[in-house]
Amino acid sequence: MAEGTEAGSSPSGRSRVVVADNHPRARDTLKQMLSQQPDLQVVGEAQDGYEALELCRRLQPDLVLMEARMPKMDGIEATRRIKREFPGIPVLVMNTLGAPDQLLEALKARAAGYVLKTSGPQRISDAVHGALMSENPLDKNMVMQLLRRMIDEASN
């Protein structure tokens, strides 16, 4: 079930974030972590890509923190649709597993970046802040795996 406040109700100066993850415990953890940042406010939570898209329509957040793998509509497809409808909203894709193919798909969908949930609260927070500042936070190990694979494929 989608939750959130109406657009424009956030105090000025705080970036408004939607958290999309199909696991309630993960959403709660991310919400708690982000809420500790004085410049961030979680304004909505979604359990699938459809809800994330609807929250973007209703709330027009400053950023979406999107789990890659969710039921109904996964985070990659939701990112693609959000970016088509709201090109100015950065979507930071996250996942527990580092899958270089998933990183590539997220980038094709025009995600602002990709972060591993297992990288810890500080890294996730840094990635959120980076994406809000038009940076492209990426997991360096996954990027190297992807580049090595692309080089190997090009060599064959």
C-alpha atoms as a PDB file:
ATOM      1  CA  MET A   1       0.000   0.000   0.000  1.00  0.00           C
ATOM      2  CA  ALA A   2       1.390   3.395  -0.970  1.00  0.00           C
ATOM      3  CA  GLU A   3       1.880   5.911   1.765  1.00  0.00           C
ATOM      4  CA  GLY A   4       2.865   9.547   1.688  1.00  0.00           C
ATOM      5  CA  THR A   5       1.970  13.156   2.108  1.00  0.00           C
ATOM      6  CA  GLU A   6       0.722  15.495  -0.576  1.00  0.00           C
ATOM      7  CA  ALA A   7       3.161  17.405  -2.751  1.00  0.00           C
ATOM      8  CA  GLY A   8       4.495  20.630  -1.297  1.00  0.00           C
ATOM      9  CA  SER A   9       3.947  19.755   2.377  1.00  0.00           C
ATOM     10  CA  SER A  10       7.650  19.268   3.126  1.00  0.00           C
ATOM     11  CA  PRO A  11       9.507  21.977   5.052  1.00  0.00           C
ATOM     12  CA  SER A  12      11.726  23.957   2.703  1.00  0.00           C
ATOM     13  CA  GLY A  13      15.341  22.950   2.421  1.00  0.00           C
ATOM     14  CA  ARG A  14      14.761  19.225   2.855  1.00  0.00           C
ATOM     15  CA  SER A  15      14.976  16.866  -0.085  1.00  0.00           C
ATOM     16  CA  ARG A  16      11.881  14.722  -0.422  1.00  0.00           C
ATOM     17  CA  VAL A  17      12.571  11.002  -0.918  1.00  0.00           C
ATOM     18  CA  VAL A  18      10.356   8.058  -1.856  1.00  0.00           C
ATOM     19  CA  VAL A  19      11.610   4.631  -0.737  1.00  0.00           C
ATOM     20  CA  ALA A  20      10.512   1.663  -2.849  1.00  0.00           C
ATOM     21  CA  ASP A  21      11.239  -1.842  -1.558  1.00  0.00           C
ATOM     22  CA  ASN A  22       9.000  -4.901  -1.336  1.00  0.00           C
ATOM     23  CA  HIS A  23      10.354  -5.859   2.090  1.00  0.00           C
ATOM     24  CA  PRO A  24       8.692  -3.867   4.923  1.00  0.00           C
ATOM     25  CA  ARG A  25      11.699  -4.301   7.227  1.00  0.00           C
ATOM     26  CA  ALA A  26      14.059  -2.962   4.546  1.00  0.00           C
ATOM     27  CA  ARG A  27      11.757   0.029   3.933  1.00  0.00           C
ATOM     28  CA  ASP A  28      11.649   0.744   7.667  1.00  0.00           C
ATOM     29  CA  THR A  29      15.447   0.513   7.949  1.00  0.00           C
ATOM     30  CA  LEU A  30      15.994   2.797   4.962  1.00  0.00           C
ATOM     31  CA  LYS A  31      13.369   5.255   6.183  1.00  0.00           C
ATOM     32  CA  GLN A  32      14.945   5.387   9.643  1.00  0.00           C
ATOM     33  CA  MET A  33      18.440   5.816   8.188  1.00  0.00           C
ATOM     34  CA  LEU A  34      17.405   8.595   5.801  1.00  0.00           C
ATOM     35  CA  SER A  35      15.290  10.342   8.433  1.00  0.00           C
ATOM     36  CA  GLN A  36      18.414  10.792  10.549  1.00  0.00           C
ATOM     37  CA  GLN A  37      19.773  13.100   7.855  1.00  0.00           C
ATOM     38  CA  PRO A  38      18.650  16.682   8.605  1.00  0.00           C
ATOM     39  CA  ASP A  39      18.379  17.533   4.898  1.00  0.00           C
ATOM     40  CA  LEU A  40      16.274  14.508   3.888  1.00  0.00           C
ATOM     41  CA  GLN A  41      12.631  13.629   4.424  1.00  0.00           C
ATOM     42  CA  VAL A  42      11.004  10.345   3.430  1.00  0.00           C
ATOM     43  CA  VAL A  43       7.625  11.403   2.052  1.00  0.00           C
ATOM     44  CA  GLY A  44       6.416   8.078   0.691  1.00  0.00           C
ATOM     45  CA  GLU A  45       6.943   4.335   0.702  1.00  0.00           C
ATOM     46  CA  ALA A  46       6.125   1.836  -2.021  1.00  0.00           C
ATOM     47  CA  GLN A  47       6.197  -1.958  -2.035  1.00  0.00           C
ATOM     48  CA  ASP A  48       6.412  -2.323  -5.827  1.00  0.00           C
ATOM     49  CA  GLY A  49       7.183  -0.376  -8.969  1.00  0.00           C
ATOM     50  CA  TYR A  50       3.558   0.518  -9.652  1.00  0.00           C
ATOM     51  CA  GLU A  51       3.263   2.189  -6.265  1.00  0.00           C
ATOM     52  CA  ALA A  52       6.566   4.003  -6.768  1.00  0.00           C
ATOM     53  CA  LEU A  53       5.343   5.419 -10.078  1.00  0.00           C
ATOM     54  CA  GLU A  54       2.037   6.476  -8.537  1.00  0.00           C
ATOM     55  CA  LEU A  55       3.836   8.192  -5.648  1.00  0.00           C
ATOM     56  CA  CYS A  56       5.974  10.087  -8.146  1.00  0.00           C
ATOM     57  CA  ARG A  57       2.820  11.262  -9.884  1.00  0.00           C
ATOM     58  CA  ARG A  58       1.231  12.356  -6.634  1.00  0.00           C
ATOM     59  CA  LEU A  59       4.206  13.661  -4.640  1.00  0.00           C
ATOM     60  CA  GLN A  60       6.835  14.585  -7.242  1.00  0.00           C
ATOM     61  CA  PRO A  61       9.712  13.776  -4.872  1.00  0.00           C
ATOM     62  CA  ASP A  62      13.276  14.993  -5.257  1.00  0.00           C
ATOM     63  CA  LEU A  63      14.588  11.407  -5.447  1.00  0.00           C
ATOM     64  CA  VAL A  64      13.417   7.787  -5.507  1.00  0.00           C
ATOM     65  CA  LEU A  65      15.469   5.123  -3.754  1.00  0.00           C
ATOM     66  CA  MET A  66      14.394   2.015  -5.685  1.00  0.00           C
ATOM     67  CA  GLU A  67      14.965  -1.674  -5.003  1.00  0.00           C
ATOM     68  CA  ALA A  68      15.821  -3.390  -8.287  1.00  0.00           C
ATOM     69  CA  ARG A  69      13.924  -6.609  -7.656  1.00  0.00           C
ATOM     70  CA  MET A  70      10.276  -6.302  -6.663  1.00  0.00           C
ATOM     71  CA  PRO A  71       7.055  -8.108  -7.584  1.00  0.00           C
ATOM     72  CA  LYS A  72       4.434  -6.791 -10.017  1.00  0.00           C
ATOM     73  CA  MET A  73       6.749  -4.207 -11.595  1.00  0.00           C
ATOM     74  CA  ASP A  74      10.443  -4.457 -10.827  1.00  0.00           C
ATOM     75  CA  GLY A  75      12.586  -1.462  -9.994  1.00  0.00           C
ATOM     76  CA  ILE A  76      14.291  -1.353 -13.387  1.00  0.00           C
ATOM     77  CA  GLU A  77      11.009  -1.071 -15.289  1.00  0.00           C
ATOM     78  CA  ALA A  78       9.664   1.397 -12.714  1.00  0.00           C
ATOM     79  CA  THR A  79      12.824   3.486 -13.166  1.00  0.00           C
ATOM     80  CA  ARG A  80      12.328   3.454 -16.931  1.00  0.00           C
ATOM     81  CA  ARG A  81       8.720   4.659 -16.564  1.00  0.00           C
ATOM     82  CA  ILE A  82       9.507   7.278 -13.930  1.00  0.00           C
ATOM     83  CA  LYS A  83      12.315   8.717 -16.054  1.00  0.00           C
ATOM     84  CA  ARG A  84      10.024   8.802 -19.106  1.00  0.00           C
ATOM     85  CA  GLU A  85       7.324  10.686 -17.188  1.00  0.00           C
ATOM     86  CA  PHE A  86       9.530  12.688 -14.802  1.00  0.00           C
ATOM     87  CA  PRO A  87      12.993  13.081 -16.351  1.00  0.00           C
ATOM     88  CA  GLY A  88      14.073  15.456 -13.566  1.00  0.00           C
ATOM     89  CA  ILE A  89      13.525  12.993 -10.709  1.00  0.00           C
ATOM     90  CA  PRO A  90      16.702  10.998 -10.037  1.00  0.00           C
ATOM     91  CA  VAL A  91      16.182   7.311  -9.301  1.00  0.00           C
ATOM     92  CA  LEU A  92      18.894   5.591  -7.298  1.00  0.00           C
ATOM     93  CA  VAL A  93      18.626   1.826  -7.798  1.00  0.00           C
ATOM     94  CA  MET A  94      19.729  -0.517  -5.049  1.00  0.00           C
ATOM     95  CA  ASN A  95      19.952  -4.242  -4.498  1.00  0.00           C
ATOM     96  CA  THR A  96      21.455  -6.698  -2.056  1.00  0.00           C
ATOM     97  CA  LEU A  97      23.419  -8.623  -4.679  1.00  0.00           C
ATOM     98  CA  GLY A  98      25.976  -7.070  -6.960  1.00  0.00           C
ATOM     99  CA  ALA A  99      24.895  -8.159 -10.430  1.00  0.00           C
ATOM    100  CA  PRO A 100      26.756  -6.341 -13.221  1.00  0.00           C
ATOM    101  CA  ASP A 101      23.956  -7.121 -15.709  1.00  0.00           C
ATOM    102  CA  GLN A 102      21.493  -5.441 -13.378  1.00  0.00           C
ATOM    103  CA  LEU A 103      23.747  -2.387 -13.122  1.00  0.00           C
ATOM    104  CA  LEU A 104      23.792  -2.176 -16.913  1.00  0.00           C
ATOM    105  CA  GLU A 105      20.002  -2.487 -17.098  1.00  0.00           C
ATOM    106  CA  ALA A 106      19.589   0.215 -14.445  1.00  0.00           C
ATOM    107  CA  LEU A 107      21.836   2.550 -16.414  1.00  0.00           C
ATOM    108  CA  LYS A 108      19.910   1.802 -19.617  1.00  0.00           C
ATOM    109  CA  ALA A 109      16.744   2.772 -17.724  1.00  0.00           C
ATOM    110  CA  ARG A 110      18.481   6.102 -16.918  1.00  0.00           C
ATOM    111  CA  ALA A 111      18.992   5.473 -13.207  1.00  0.00           C
ATOM    112  CA  ALA A 112      21.091   8.131 -11.495  1.00  0.00           C
ATOM    113  CA  GLY A 113      23.207   5.430  -9.887  1.00  0.00           C
ATOM    114  CA  TYR A 114      23.350   2.003  -8.309  1.00  0.00           C
ATOM    115  CA  VAL A 115      24.212   1.176  -4.716  1.00  0.00           C
ATOM    116  CA  LEU A 116      24.373  -2.090  -2.802  1.00  0.00           C
ATOM    117  CA  LYS A 117      22.211  -2.316   0.301  1.00  0.00           C
ATOM    118  CA  THR A 118      25.021  -4.253   1.964  1.00  0.00           C
ATOM    119  CA  SER A 119      27.432  -1.336   1.542  1.00  0.00           C
ATOM    120  CA  GLY A 120      26.226   0.193   4.805  1.00  0.00           C
ATOM    121  CA  PRO A 121      24.268   3.251   5.926  1.00  0.00           C
ATOM    122  CA  GLN A 122      26.991   5.819   5.252  1.00  0.00           C
ATOM    123  CA  ARG A 123      27.552   4.643   1.674  1.00  0.00           C
ATOM    124  CA  ILE A 124      23.805   4.610   0.963  1.00  0.00           C
ATOM    125  CA  SER A 125      23.430   8.078   2.473  1.00  0.00           C
ATOM    126  CA  ASP A 126      26.393   9.334   0.427  1.00  0.00           C
ATOM    127  CA  ALA A 127      24.867   7.829  -2.717  1.00  0.00           C
ATOM    128  CA  VAL A 128      21.516   9.528  -2.035  1.00  0.00           C
ATOM    129  CA  HIS A 129      23.219  12.885  -1.489  1.00  0.00           C
ATOM    130  CA  GLY A 130      25.361  12.360  -4.585  1.00  0.00           C
ATOM    131  CA  ALA A 131      22.360  11.568  -6.765  1.00  0.00           C
ATOM    132  CA  LEU A 132      20.579  14.659  -5.448  1.00  0.00           C
ATOM    133  CA  MET A 133      23.619  16.707  -6.537  1.00  0.00           C
ATOM    134  CA  SER A 134      23.460  15.258 -10.079  1.00  0.00           C
ATOM    135  CA  GLU A 135      26.341  12.877  -9.450  1.00  0.00           C
ATOM    136  CA  ASN A 136      26.179   9.262 -10.572  1.00  0.00           C
ATOM    137  CA  PRO A 137      27.016   7.080  -7.573  1.00  0.00           C
ATOM    138  CA  LEU A 138      27.972   3.581  -8.679  1.00  0.00           C
ATOM    139  CA  ASP A 139      29.345   0.577  -6.875  1.00  0.00           C
ATOM    140  CA  LYS A 140      32.977   0.499  -8.060  1.00  0.00           C
ATOM    141  CA  ASN A 141      33.370  -3.269  -7.812  1.00  0.00           C
ATOM    142  CA  MET A 142      30.316  -3.836  -9.976  1.00  0.00           C
ATOM    143  CA  VAL A 143      31.525  -1.285 -12.526  1.00  0.00           C
ATOM    144  CA  MET A 144      34.883  -3.085 -12.733  1.00  0.00           C
ATOM    145  CA  GLN A 145      33.158  -6.465 -13.171  1.00  0.00           C
ATOM    146  CA  LEU A 146      31.009  -5.027 -15.938  1.00  0.00           C
ATOM    147  CA  LEU A 147      33.958  -3.387 -17.687  1.00  0.00           C
ATOM    148  CA  ARG A 148      36.032  -6.579 -17.494  1.00  0.00           C
ATOM    149  CA  ARG A 149      33.180  -8.576 -18.958  1.00  0.00           C
ATOM    150  CA  MET A 150      32.711  -6.054 -21.779  1.00  0.00           C
ATOM    151  CA  ILE A 151      36.454  -6.126 -22.521  1.00  0.00           C
ATOM    152  CA  ASP A 152      36.443  -9.938 -22.560  1.00  0.00           C
ATOM    153  CA  GLU A 153      33.465  -9.974 -24.922  1.00  0.00           C
ATOM    154  CA  ALA A 154      35.105  -7.413 -27.208  1.00  0.00           C
ATOM    155  CA  SER A 155      38.315  -9.499 -27.284  1.00  0.00           C
ATOM    156  CA  ASN A 156      36.521 -12.654 -28.446  1.00  0.00           C
END
